[in-house]
C-alpha atoms as a PDB file:
ATOM      1  CA  CYS A   1     103.654 116.164  88.892  1.00  0.00           C
ATOM      2  CA  THR A   2     102.760 113.286  86.550  1.00  0.00           C
ATOM      3  CA  ASP A   3     101.168 115.680  84.054  1.00  0.00           C
ATOM      4  CA  LEU A   4     103.751 116.612  81.455  1.00  0.00           C
ATOM      5  CA  THR A   5     101.699 118.986  79.320  1.00  0.00           C
ATOM      6  CA  GLY A   6      99.225 121.822  79.675  1.00  0.00           C
ATOM      7  CA  THR A   7      96.550 123.648  77.684  1.00  0.00           C
ATOM      8  CA  ILE A   8      96.362 127.037  76.017  1.00  0.00           C
ATOM      9  CA  THR A   9      92.892 128.485  75.442  1.00  0.00           C
ATOM     10  CA  VAL A  10      92.202 131.586  73.380  1.00  0.00           C
ATOM     11  CA  THR A  11      89.193 133.423  74.848  1.00  0.00           C
ATOM     12  CA  ALA A  12      89.037 136.277  72.331  1.00  0.00           C
ATOM     13  CA  PRO A  13      88.358 136.419  69.519  1.00  0.00           C
ATOM     14  CA  ALA A  14      85.912 133.543  69.826  1.00  0.00           C
ATOM     15  CA  PRO A  15      85.978 130.909  67.102  1.00  0.00           C
ATOM     16  CA  ALA A  16      84.252 132.120  63.945  1.00  0.00           C
ATOM     17  CA  ALA A  17      84.300 131.459  60.246  1.00  0.00           C
ATOM     18  CA  GLY A  18      87.682 132.307  58.772  1.00  0.00           C
ATOM     19  CA  ILE A  19      89.569 132.621  62.072  1.00  0.00           C
ATOM     20  CA  THR A  20      92.487 130.302  62.806  1.00  0.00           C
ATOM     21  CA  TYR A  21      94.874 130.283  65.760  1.00  0.00           C
ATOM     22  CA  SER A  22      98.566 129.576  66.270  1.00  0.00           C
ATOM     23  CA  ILE A  23     101.004 129.251  69.164  1.00  0.00           C
ATOM     24  CA  ASP A  24     104.129 129.171  67.034  1.00  0.00           C
ATOM     25  CA  GLY A  25     103.417 131.896  64.457  1.00  0.00           C
ATOM     26  CA  VAL A  26     103.708 129.368  61.668  1.00  0.00           C
ATOM     27  CA  THR A  27     100.893 126.867  61.790  1.00  0.00           C
ATOM     28  CA  TYR A  28      97.350 128.266  61.538  1.00  0.00           C
ATOM     29  CA  THR A  29      95.215 125.133  61.395  1.00  0.00           C
ATOM     30  CA  ASN A  30      93.531 125.403  64.789  1.00  0.00           C
ATOM     31  CA  THR A  31      89.935 126.653  64.546  1.00  0.00           C
ATOM     32  CA  THR A  32      88.845 126.174  68.175  1.00  0.00           C
ATOM     33  CA  GLY A  33      91.372 128.299  70.014  1.00  0.00           C
ATOM     34  CA  VAL A  34      92.158 125.413  72.336  1.00  0.00           C
ATOM     35  CA  PHE A  35      95.603 123.812  72.223  1.00  0.00           C
ATOM     36  CA  THR A  36      96.028 120.663  74.335  1.00  0.00           C
ATOM     37  CA  GLY A  37      99.087 118.521  75.106  1.00  0.00           C
ATOM     38  CA  VAL A  38     101.338 121.573  75.077  1.00  0.00           C
ATOM     39  CA  ALA A  39     104.790 121.152  76.627  1.00  0.00           C
ATOM     40  CA  PRO A  40     105.921 123.617  79.323  1.00  0.00           C
ATOM     41  CA  GLY A  41     107.342 126.774  77.826  1.00  0.00           C
ATOM     42  CA  THR A  42     106.486 130.318  76.675  1.00  0.00           C
ATOM     43  CA  TYR A  43     104.332 130.748  73.583  1.00  0.00           C
ATOM     44  CA  ASN A  44     103.306 133.665  71.364  1.00  0.00           C
ATOM     45  CA  VAL A  45      99.628 133.196  70.624  1.00  0.00           C
ATOM     46  CA  THR A  46      98.296 134.790  67.454  1.00  0.00           C
ATOM     47  CA  TYR A  47      95.303 134.430  65.173  1.00  0.00           C
ATOM     48  CA  ASN A  48      94.620 134.909  61.500  1.00  0.00           C
ATOM     49  CA  ASP A  49      91.305 136.558  60.696  1.00  0.00           C
ATOM     50  CA  GLY A  50      91.572 135.563  57.073  1.00  0.00           C
ATOM     51  CA  THR A  51      93.186 138.826  56.108  1.00  0.00           C
ATOM     52  CA  CYS A  52      95.955 139.510  58.605  1.00  0.00           C
ATOM     53  CA  ILE A  53      97.844 137.899  61.482  1.00  0.00           C
ATOM     54  CA  SER A  54      97.308 139.544  64.840  1.00  0.00           C
ATOM     55  CA  ALA A  55      99.827 140.846  67.318  1.00  0.00           C
ATOM     56  CA  ALA A  56     100.959 138.175  69.797  1.00  0.00           C
ATOM     57  CA  ALA A  57      99.804 137.456  73.321  1.00  0.00           C
ATOM     58  CA  GLN A  58     102.519 135.736  75.328  1.00  0.00           C
ATOM     59  CA  VAL A  59     101.454 132.892  77.621  1.00  0.00           C
ATOM     60  CA  THR A  60     103.523 130.493  79.708  1.00  0.00           C
ATOM     61  CA  ILE A  61     102.880 126.883  80.658  1.00  0.00           C
ATOM     62  CA  ASN A  62     104.874 126.180  83.794  1.00  0.00           C
ATOM     63  CA  PRO A  63     106.676 122.870  84.443  1.00  0.00           C
ATOM     64  CA  PRO A  64     104.808 120.318  86.561  1.00  0.00           C
ATOM     65  CA  PRO A  65     105.314 120.585  90.332  1.00  0.00           C
ATOM     66  CA  THR A  66     108.120 118.540  91.858  1.00  0.00           C
ATOM     67  CA  ALA A  67     107.124 115.331  93.626  1.00  0.00           C
ATOM     68  CA  PRO A  68     107.377 115.682  97.422  1.00  0.00           C
ATOM     69  CA  GLY A  69     110.154 113.944  99.295  1.00  0.00           C
ATOM     70  CA  PRO A  70     109.671 110.505 100.818  1.00  0.00           C
ATOM     71  CA  PRO A  71     107.703 110.080 104.039  1.00  0.00           C
ATOM     72  CA  THR A  72     109.212 109.112 107.367  1.00  0.00           C
ATOM     73  CA  ALA A  73     107.896 105.691 108.375  1.00  0.00           C
ATOM     74  CA  ASN A  74     108.729 102.787 110.647  1.00  0.00           C
ATOM     75  CA  ALA A  75     107.649  99.173 110.923  1.00  0.00           C
ATOM     76  CA  THR A  76     106.789  97.098 113.975  1.00  0.00           C
ATOM     77  CA  SER A  77     107.446  93.400 113.344  1.00  0.00           C
ATOM     78  CA  PRO A  78     105.618  90.520 115.046  1.00  0.00           C
ATOM     79  CA  ALA A  79     106.730  90.350 118.664  1.00  0.00           C
ATOM     80  CA  THR A  80     106.069  86.655 119.291  1.00  0.00           C
ATOM     81  CA  CYS A  81     106.041  83.488 117.256  1.00  0.00           C
ATOM     82  CA  THR A  82     102.239  83.434 117.397  1.00  0.00           C
ATOM     83  CA  ASP A  83     101.937  86.916 115.876  1.00  0.00           C
ATOM     84  CA  LEU A  84     101.532  86.725 112.112  1.00  0.00           C
ATOM     85  CA  THR A  85     101.386  90.412 111.224  1.00  0.00           C
ATOM     86  CA  GLY A  86     102.970  93.759 112.046  1.00  0.00           C
ATOM     87  CA  THR A  87     102.279  97.484 111.744  1.00  0.00           C
ATOM     88  CA  ILE A  88     103.578 100.281 109.528  1.00  0.00           C
ATOM     89  CA  THR A  89     103.322 103.830 110.871  1.00  0.00           C
ATOM     90  CA  VAL A  90     103.985 107.013 108.888  1.00  0.00           C
ATOM     91  CA  THR A  91     105.265 109.719 111.239  1.00  0.00           C
ATOM     92  CA  ALA A  92     105.785 112.479 108.643  1.00  0.00           C
ATOM     93  CA  PRO A  93     103.930 114.074 107.047  1.00  0.00           C
ATOM     94  CA  ALA A  94     101.347 113.932 109.819  1.00  0.00           C
ATOM     95  CA  PRO A  95      97.732 113.308 108.810  1.00  0.00           C
ATOM     96  CA  ALA A  96      96.117 116.420 107.345  1.00  0.00           C
ATOM     97  CA  ALA A  97      93.330 117.333 104.976  1.00  0.00           C
ATOM     98  CA  GLY A  98      94.043 116.025 101.491  1.00  0.00           C
ATOM     99  CA  ILE A  99      96.865 113.653 102.457  1.00  0.00           C
ATOM    100  CA  THR A 100      96.463 109.916 101.877  1.00  0.00           C
ATOM    101  CA  TYR A 101      98.982 107.123 102.372  1.00  0.00           C
ATOM    102  CA  SER A 102      99.838 103.893 100.587  1.00  0.00           C
ATOM    103  CA  ILE A 103     102.093 100.880 101.076  1.00  0.00           C
ATOM    104  CA  ASP A 104     101.559  99.437  97.602  1.00  0.00           C
ATOM    105  CA  GLY A 105     101.707 102.538  95.387  1.00  0.00           C
ATOM    106  CA  VAL A 106      98.189 101.844  94.155  1.00  0.00           C
ATOM    107  CA  THR A 107      95.658 102.275  96.943  1.00  0.00           C
ATOM    108  CA  TYR A 108      95.532 105.698  98.588  1.00  0.00           C
ATOM    109  CA  THR A 109      92.590 105.395 100.967  1.00  0.00           C
ATOM    110  CA  ASN A 110      94.470 105.479 104.262  1.00  0.00           C
ATOM    111  CA  THR A 111      94.187 108.868 105.975  1.00  0.00           C
ATOM    112  CA  THR A 112      95.814 108.009 109.334  1.00  0.00           C
ATOM    113  CA  GLY A 113      99.262 106.811 108.235  1.00  0.00           C
ATOM    114  CA  VAL A 114      98.868 103.658 110.335  1.00  0.00           C
ATOM    115  CA  PHE A 115      98.620 100.290 108.600  1.00  0.00           C
ATOM    116  CA  THR A 116      97.836  97.298 110.845  1.00  0.00           C
ATOM    117  CA  GLY A 117      97.638  93.564 110.189  1.00  0.00           C
ATOM    118  CA  ILE A 118     100.462  93.718 107.650  1.00  0.00           C
ATOM    119  CA  ALA A 119     102.105  90.460 106.597  1.00  0.00           C
ATOM    120  CA  PRO A 120     105.911  90.198 106.836  1.00  0.00           C
ATOM    121  CA  GLY A 121     107.625  91.670 103.795  1.00  0.00           C
ATOM    122  CA  THR A 122     109.180  94.825 102.349  1.00  0.00           C
ATOM    123  CA  TYR A 123     106.917  97.749 101.486  1.00  0.00           C
ATOM    124  CA  ASN A 124     107.338 101.046  99.633  1.00  0.00           C
ATOM    125  CA  VAL A 125     105.515 103.692 101.650  1.00  0.00           C
ATOM    126  CA  THR A 126     104.302 106.766  99.768  1.00  0.00           C
ATOM    127  CA  TYR A 127     101.749 109.524 100.235  1.00  0.00           C
ATOM    128  CA  ASN A 128      99.580 111.651  97.991  1.00  0.00           C
ATOM    129  CA  ASP A 129      99.398 115.308  98.994  1.00  0.00           C
ATOM    130  CA  GLY A 130      96.421 115.935  96.732  1.00  0.00           C
ATOM    131  CA  THR A 131      98.637 117.040  93.851  1.00  0.00           C
ATOM    132  CA  CYS A 132     101.467 114.555  93.581  1.00  0.00           C
ATOM    133  CA  ILE A 133     102.599 111.188  94.870  1.00  0.00           C
ATOM    134  CA  SER A 134     105.774 111.304  96.929  1.00  0.00           C
ATOM    135  CA  ALA A 135     108.985 109.412  96.547  1.00  0.00           C
ATOM    136  CA  ALA A 136     108.983 106.123  98.475  1.00  0.00           C
ATOM    137  CA  THR A 137     110.393 105.061 101.832  1.00  0.00           C
ATOM    138  CA  GLN A 138     111.128 101.342 102.078  1.00  0.00           C
ATOM    139  CA  VAL A 139     110.279  99.584 105.328  1.00  0.00           C
ATOM    140  CA  THR A 140     110.421  95.908 106.258  1.00  0.00           C
ATOM    141  CA  ILE A 141     108.234  93.849 108.572  1.00  0.00           C
ATOM    142  CA  ASN A 142     110.302  90.884 109.700  1.00  0.00           C
ATOM    143  CA  PRO A 143     108.836  87.400 110.092  1.00  0.00           C
ATOM    144  CA  ALA A 144     107.723  86.260 113.518  1.00  0.00           C
ATOM    145  CA  PRO A 145     110.510  84.753 115.654  1.00  0.00           C
ATOM    146  CA  ALA A 146     110.833  80.989 115.478  1.00  0.00           C
ATOM    147  CA  ALA A 147     109.588  78.897 118.372  1.00  0.00           C
ATOM    148  CA  PRO A 148     112.461  77.676 120.553  1.00  0.00           C
ATOM    149  CA  ALA A 149     113.452  74.017 120.578  1.00  0.00           C
ATOM    150  CA  ALA A 150     111.827  71.565 122.952  1.00  0.00           C
ATOM    151  CA  PRO A 151     113.201  71.474 126.506  1.00  0.00           C
ATOM    152  CA  THR A 152     115.155  68.603 128.004  1.00  0.00           C
ATOM    153  CA  ALA A 153     113.221  67.021 130.885  1.00  0.00           C
ATOM    154  CA  ASN A 154     113.052  63.823 132.890  1.00  0.00           C
ATOM    155  CA  ALA A 155     110.394  62.222 135.045  1.00  0.00           C
ATOM    156  CA  THR A 156     110.668  60.459 138.388  1.00  0.00           C
ATOM    157  CA  SER A 157     107.900  57.875 138.780  1.00  0.00           C
ATOM    158  CA  PRO A 158     106.469  56.685 142.133  1.00  0.00           C
ATOM    159  CA  ALA A 159     109.047  54.449 143.815  1.00  0.00           C
ATOM    160  CA  THR A 160     106.681  52.329 145.914  1.00  0.00           C
ATOM    161  CA  CYS A 161     103.088  51.183 145.766  1.00  0.00           C
ATOM    162  CA  THR A 162     102.217  53.757 148.380  1.00  0.00           C
ATOM    163  CA  ASP A 163     103.540  56.610 146.311  1.00  0.00           C
ATOM    164  CA  LEU A 164     100.743  58.137 144.230  1.00  0.00           C
ATOM    165  CA  THR A 165     102.666  60.839 142.434  1.00  0.00           C
ATOM    166  CA  GLY A 166     105.986  61.529 140.757  1.00  0.00           C
ATOM    167  CA  SER A 167     107.945  64.560 139.623  1.00  0.00           C
ATOM    168  CA  ILE A 168     109.082  66.167 136.375  1.00  0.00           C
ATOM    169  CA  THR A 169     112.310  68.130 136.185  1.00  0.00           C
ATOM    170  CA  VAL A 170     113.356  70.349 133.287  1.00  0.00           C
ATOM    171  CA  THR A 171     117.136  70.400 132.947  1.00  0.00           C
ATOM    172  CA  VAL A 172     117.415  72.549 129.792  1.00  0.00           C
ATOM    173  CA  PRO A 173     116.905  75.447 129.635  1.00  0.00           C
ATOM    174  CA  ALA A 174     117.933  76.125 133.203  1.00  0.00           C
ATOM    175  CA  PRO A 175     115.824  78.577 135.182  1.00  0.00           C
ATOM    176  CA  ALA A 176     116.527  82.180 134.201  1.00  0.00           C
ATOM    177  CA  ALA A 177     114.815  85.546 134.209  1.00  0.00           C
ATOM    178  CA  GLY A 178     111.749  85.487 131.965  1.00  0.00           C
ATOM    179  CA  ILE A 179     111.544  81.694 131.569  1.00  0.00           C
ATOM    180  CA  THR A 180     108.467  79.819 132.780  1.00  0.00           C
ATOM    181  CA  TYR A 181     107.610  76.150 132.412  1.00  0.00           C
ATOM    182  CA  SER A 182     104.429  74.168 131.804  1.00  0.00           C
ATOM    183  CA  ILE A 183     103.343  70.538 131.650  1.00  0.00           C
ATOM    184  CA  ASP A 184      99.874  71.241 130.267  1.00  0.00           C
ATOM    185  CA  GLY A 185     100.594  73.893 127.621  1.00  0.00           C
ATOM    186  CA  ILE A 186      98.314  76.339 129.411  1.00  0.00           C
ATOM    187  CA  THR A 187      99.699  77.332 132.785  1.00  0.00           C
ATOM    188  CA  TYR A 188     103.131  78.993 132.728  1.00  0.00           C
ATOM    189  CA  THR A 189     103.674  79.975 136.363  1.00  0.00           C
ATOM    190  CA  ASN A 190     106.472  77.552 137.225  1.00  0.00           C
ATOM    191  CA  THR A 191     109.866  79.274 137.317  1.00  0.00           C
ATOM    192  CA  THR A 192     112.001  76.422 138.697  1.00  0.00           C
ATOM    193  CA  GLY A 193     111.432  73.725 136.097  1.00  0.00           C
ATOM    194  CA  VAL A 194     110.547  71.241 138.842  1.00  0.00           C
ATOM    195  CA  PHE A 195     107.014  69.877 139.073  1.00  0.00           C
ATOM    196  CA  THR A 196     106.206  67.701 142.091  1.00  0.00           C
ATOM    197  CA  GLY A 197     103.112  65.773 143.120  1.00  0.00           C
ATOM    198  CA  ILE A 198     102.367  64.829 139.513  1.00  0.00           C
ATOM    199  CA  ALA A 199      99.858  62.066 138.879  1.00  0.00           C
ATOM    200  CA  PRO A 200     100.899  59.175 136.622  1.00  0.00           C
ATOM    201  CA  GLY A 201     100.363  60.060 132.969  1.00  0.00           C
ATOM    202  CA  THR A 202     102.021  61.440 129.870  1.00  0.00           C
ATOM    203  CA  TYR A 203     102.816  65.166 129.793  1.00  0.00           C
ATOM    204  CA  ASN A 204     103.957  67.597 127.138  1.00  0.00           C
ATOM    205  CA  VAL A 205     106.628  69.765 128.748  1.00  0.00           C
ATOM    206  CA  THR A 206     107.130  73.229 127.269  1.00  0.00           C
ATOM    207  CA  TYR A 207     108.570  76.547 128.321  1.00  0.00           C
ATOM    208  CA  ASN A 208     107.935  80.182 127.558  1.00  0.00           C
ATOM    209  CA  ASP A 209     111.076  82.265 127.045  1.00  0.00           C
ATOM    210  CA  GLY A 210     109.155  85.518 127.337  1.00  0.00           C
ATOM    211  CA  THR A 211     108.610  85.719 123.615  1.00  0.00           C
ATOM    212  CA  CYS A 212     107.498  82.317 122.419  1.00  0.00           C
ATOM    213  CA  ILE A 213     106.385  78.940 123.660  1.00  0.00           C
ATOM    214  CA  SER A 214     108.741  76.115 122.816  1.00  0.00           C
ATOM    215  CA  ALA A 215     108.083  72.892 121.045  1.00  0.00           C
ATOM    216  CA  ALA A 216     107.103  70.086 123.465  1.00  0.00           C
END
């Protein structure tokens, strides 16, 4: 569909001394019988044998095929603040022989329609059906969600010389479905926000809201 012109080739009579060809009945300068860069249309092909102009053979160069419609595609954005990339999936046309997909309009090596490890941004998804490149479908991979703010927490130190441990209590965010707390940045099994029996020391208190881990 990006080709705008075609070719007319005269197969008989073959080129020979004194023979010239024409596709408009006026100009007889072609000695090869091959006309390139010819716009779509119907032409009367004739030849001049040096004595007379022949009867005409009518040939037609058809218009280029129409570019296919845009694909159907969707994007999966990063699900957590630690995910840096997403996925683009073409759902139609389905993979088939001769079909290749692109998200940059340049590289058509993908044959599955699934693009993984894609940085956040807006992409024009197209496909090549082996003849033409389709119109584009625009999809967007959103940036990863931002990490939530640090929690509010306080510590209760040992009150007497016989106490060996204290406690840490998170006051914000309050316990809720999906929220877990940690004082080591590794273990997120605490759902109450209250840590007891904690040895003296300095702790970085964080929480996981089910999507991201907060600042400390």
